[in-house]
Amino acid sequence: MEKALLGVGAGVFPYSVLVALWLGGRTGNGSVVLLIPAALTIGLVCAVVILTLSGWRRWAGREAALLSMAVKLAQIPAYLVFFWVGLSGLAMVQFAAVTMIVWVLDLFTIGISGLAGLAAVLRCRAEGRLTTKAAVLNGTLQFIFCADVFSAVWVYQKSKEK
């Protein structure tokens, strides 16, 4: 149960940003955007707790890899919306600031999900399911857009019971 709640906490950040921006536009109330720092804090705390609990061996590598993969796969639609909004902002010079804001939000999103992925990689390495070379490579890939999803799926596949 704790894994699911932490996974939702880590994975909900990009969707909370989209909801806050949508609500701000619909209601004309810009203060809704203040929910974004709160969502960022929740996501970051959940990701750090995932990393910590994984390091304390509270979870098996397979469980951490499944959680990481689920978080990353669940965020794909939000990434697509961020990409579309960013491209739209680039198309119009007057919205260049929008592109920069989306870029910063993307960095926060990849940072949060990257920490969850790093927890899985470290746990799998500690259990001997990944070599040191594979752990270094996949630990790095957890923080690179698009590559993080493929890496998370690969780590999950490698974490199968021997």
Protein backbone atom coordinates (compact mmCIF):
# COMPACT_ATOMS: atom_id res chain seq x y z
CA MET A 1 0.00 0.00 0.00
CA GLU A 2 2.81 2.41 0.90
CA LYS A 3 4.45 1.73 -2.47
CA ALA A 4 1.30 2.64 -4.35
CA LEU A 5 0.79 5.86 -2.40
CA LEU A 6 4.41 6.91 -2.84
CA GLY A 7 4.22 6.06 -6.55
CA VAL A 8 1.10 8.19 -6.96
CA GLY A 9 2.75 11.01 -5.03
CA ALA A 10 5.83 10.88 -7.25
CA GLY A 11 3.85 10.44 -10.46
CA VAL A 12 1.12 13.02 -9.98
CA PHE A 13 3.30 16.14 -10.29
CA PRO A 14 2.95 16.73 -14.06
CA TYR A 15 -0.80 16.11 -13.92
CA SER A 16 -1.25 18.50 -11.00
CA VAL A 17 0.58 21.15 -13.03
CA LEU A 18 -1.74 20.58 -15.97
CA VAL A 19 -4.83 20.69 -13.74
CA ALA A 20 -3.65 23.87 -12.00
CA LEU A 21 -2.99 25.60 -15.31
CA TRP A 22 -6.32 24.43 -16.72
CA LEU A 23 -8.24 25.56 -13.63
CA GLY A 24 -6.41 28.90 -13.65
CA GLY A 25 -7.43 29.45 -17.27
CA ARG A 26 -11.03 28.32 -16.75
CA THR A 27 -11.71 30.29 -13.59
CA GLY A 28 -9.49 33.29 -14.28
CA ASN A 29 -8.08 32.77 -10.81
CA GLY A 30 -4.30 32.82 -11.07
CA SER A 31 -3.85 31.78 -7.45
CA VAL A 32 -4.61 28.19 -8.47
CA VAL A 33 -1.07 28.13 -9.89
CA LEU A 34 0.17 28.21 -6.29
CA LEU A 35 -0.76 24.52 -6.16
CA ILE A 36 2.25 23.78 -8.36
CA PRO A 37 4.90 24.32 -5.63
CA ALA A 38 2.83 22.18 -3.26
CA ALA A 39 2.62 19.39 -5.84
CA LEU A 40 6.34 19.71 -6.51
CA THR A 41 7.08 19.36 -2.80
CA ILE A 42 4.83 16.30 -2.48
CA GLY A 43 6.38 14.67 -5.54
CA LEU A 44 9.92 15.37 -4.41
CA VAL A 45 9.29 14.12 -0.87
CA CYS A 46 7.70 10.92 -2.21
CA ALA A 47 10.65 10.34 -4.58
CA VAL A 48 13.18 10.84 -1.78
CA VAL A 49 11.21 8.47 0.49
CA ILE A 50 11.17 5.87 -2.33
CA LEU A 51 14.93 6.22 -2.69
CA THR A 52 15.45 6.01 1.08
CA LEU A 53 13.20 3.01 1.66
CA SER A 54 14.77 1.20 -1.26
CA GLY A 55 18.20 1.90 0.20
CA TRP A 56 17.09 0.58 3.56
CA ARG A 57 16.09 -2.67 1.84
CA ARG A 58 12.44 -2.28 2.68
CA TRP A 59 11.61 -3.25 -0.91
CA ALA A 60 12.99 -5.83 -3.29
CA GLY A 61 14.59 -4.66 -6.52
CA ARG A 62 11.69 -6.08 -8.51
CA GLU A 63 9.16 -4.05 -6.49
CA ALA A 64 11.17 -0.84 -6.87
CA ALA A 65 11.60 -1.49 -10.61
CA LEU A 66 7.86 -2.06 -11.05
CA LEU A 67 7.08 1.17 -9.20
CA SER A 68 9.61 3.12 -11.27
CA MET A 69 8.28 1.69 -14.51
CA ALA A 70 4.67 2.44 -13.53
CA VAL A 71 5.49 6.05 -12.62
CA LYS A 72 7.36 6.65 -15.88
CA LEU A 73 4.75 4.98 -18.09
CA ALA A 74 1.94 6.88 -16.36
CA GLN A 75 3.67 10.19 -17.07
CA ILE A 76 3.90 9.71 -20.85
CA PRO A 77 0.59 11.52 -21.61
CA ALA A 78 1.65 14.50 -19.49
CA TYR A 79 5.00 14.60 -21.31
CA LEU A 80 3.14 14.73 -24.60
CA VAL A 81 1.01 17.66 -23.42
CA PHE A 82 4.09 19.50 -22.12
CA PHE A 83 5.81 18.89 -25.46
CA TRP A 84 2.80 20.22 -27.38
CA VAL A 85 2.52 23.32 -25.16
CA GLY A 86 6.26 23.92 -25.49
CA LEU A 87 6.11 23.66 -29.26
CA SER A 88 3.13 25.98 -29.36
CA GLY A 89 5.05 28.50 -27.28
CA LEU A 90 8.02 28.31 -29.65
CA ALA A 91 5.75 28.97 -32.61
CA MET A 92 4.70 32.34 -31.20
CA VAL A 93 7.41 34.73 -30.05
CA GLN A 94 5.16 36.41 -27.49
CA PHE A 95 4.82 33.06 -25.68
CA ALA A 96 8.54 32.32 -25.35
CA ALA A 97 8.20 32.54 -21.57
CA VAL A 98 5.69 29.70 -21.70
CA THR A 99 8.30 27.52 -23.35
CA MET A 100 10.82 28.31 -20.61
CA ILE A 101 8.29 27.56 -17.87
CA VAL A 102 7.37 24.25 -19.49
CA TRP A 103 11.06 23.41 -19.80
CA VAL A 104 11.59 24.02 -16.06
CA LEU A 105 8.51 21.94 -15.20
CA ASP A 106 9.88 19.16 -17.42
CA LEU A 107 13.15 19.24 -15.49
CA PHE A 108 11.29 18.92 -12.19
CA THR A 109 9.23 16.04 -13.59
CA ILE A 110 12.23 14.11 -14.85
CA GLY A 111 14.05 14.77 -11.58
CA ILE A 112 11.23 13.34 -9.49
CA SER A 113 10.69 10.26 -11.65
CA GLY A 114 14.46 9.89 -12.05
CA LEU A 115 14.90 9.54 -8.29
CA ALA A 116 12.32 6.74 -8.26
CA GLY A 117 14.14 5.07 -11.15
CA LEU A 118 17.50 5.48 -9.45
CA ALA A 119 16.10 3.71 -6.39
CA ALA A 120 15.22 0.70 -8.54
CA VAL A 121 18.61 0.67 -10.24
CA LEU A 122 20.51 0.86 -6.95
CA ARG A 123 18.35 -1.82 -5.34
CA CYS A 124 18.77 -4.15 -8.33
CA ARG A 125 22.53 -3.56 -8.31
CA ALA A 126 22.71 -4.31 -4.58
CA GLU A 127 20.84 -7.58 -5.19
CA GLY A 128 23.21 -8.51 -8.02
CA ARG A 129 20.55 -8.31 -10.71
CA LEU A 130 22.48 -5.60 -12.59
CA THR A 131 26.18 -5.30 -13.25
CA THR A 132 27.97 -2.17 -12.12
CA LYS A 133 28.27 -1.01 -15.73
CA ALA A 134 24.54 -1.56 -16.35
CA ALA A 135 23.68 0.20 -13.08
CA VAL A 136 25.77 3.27 -13.96
CA LEU A 137 24.30 3.44 -17.46
CA ASN A 138 20.70 2.94 -16.34
CA GLY A 139 21.10 5.24 -13.35
CA THR A 140 22.13 7.98 -15.77
CA LEU A 141 19.37 7.15 -18.25
CA GLN A 142 16.74 7.58 -15.51
CA PHE A 143 17.28 11.35 -15.83
CA ILE A 144 17.13 11.62 -19.64
CA PHE A 145 13.77 12.17 -21.36
CA CYS A 146 12.49 9.24 -23.43
CA ALA A 147 15.50 7.09 -22.53
CA ASP A 148 14.20 6.90 -18.96
CA VAL A 149 11.10 4.97 -20.01
CA PHE A 150 13.08 2.42 -22.01
CA SER A 151 15.58 2.10 -19.18
CA ALA A 152 12.81 1.58 -16.59
CA VAL A 153 11.26 -1.21 -18.67
CA TRP A 154 14.69 -2.80 -19.20
CA VAL A 155 15.55 -2.66 -15.48
CA TYR A 156 12.17 -4.22 -14.66
CA GLN A 157 12.84 -7.04 -17.12
CA LYS A 158 16.31 -7.62 -15.64
CA SER A 159 14.90 -7.66 -12.09
CA LYS A 160 13.04 -10.93 -12.63
CA GLU A 161 13.65 -13.65 -10.08
CA LYS A 162 16.59 -15.89 -10.90
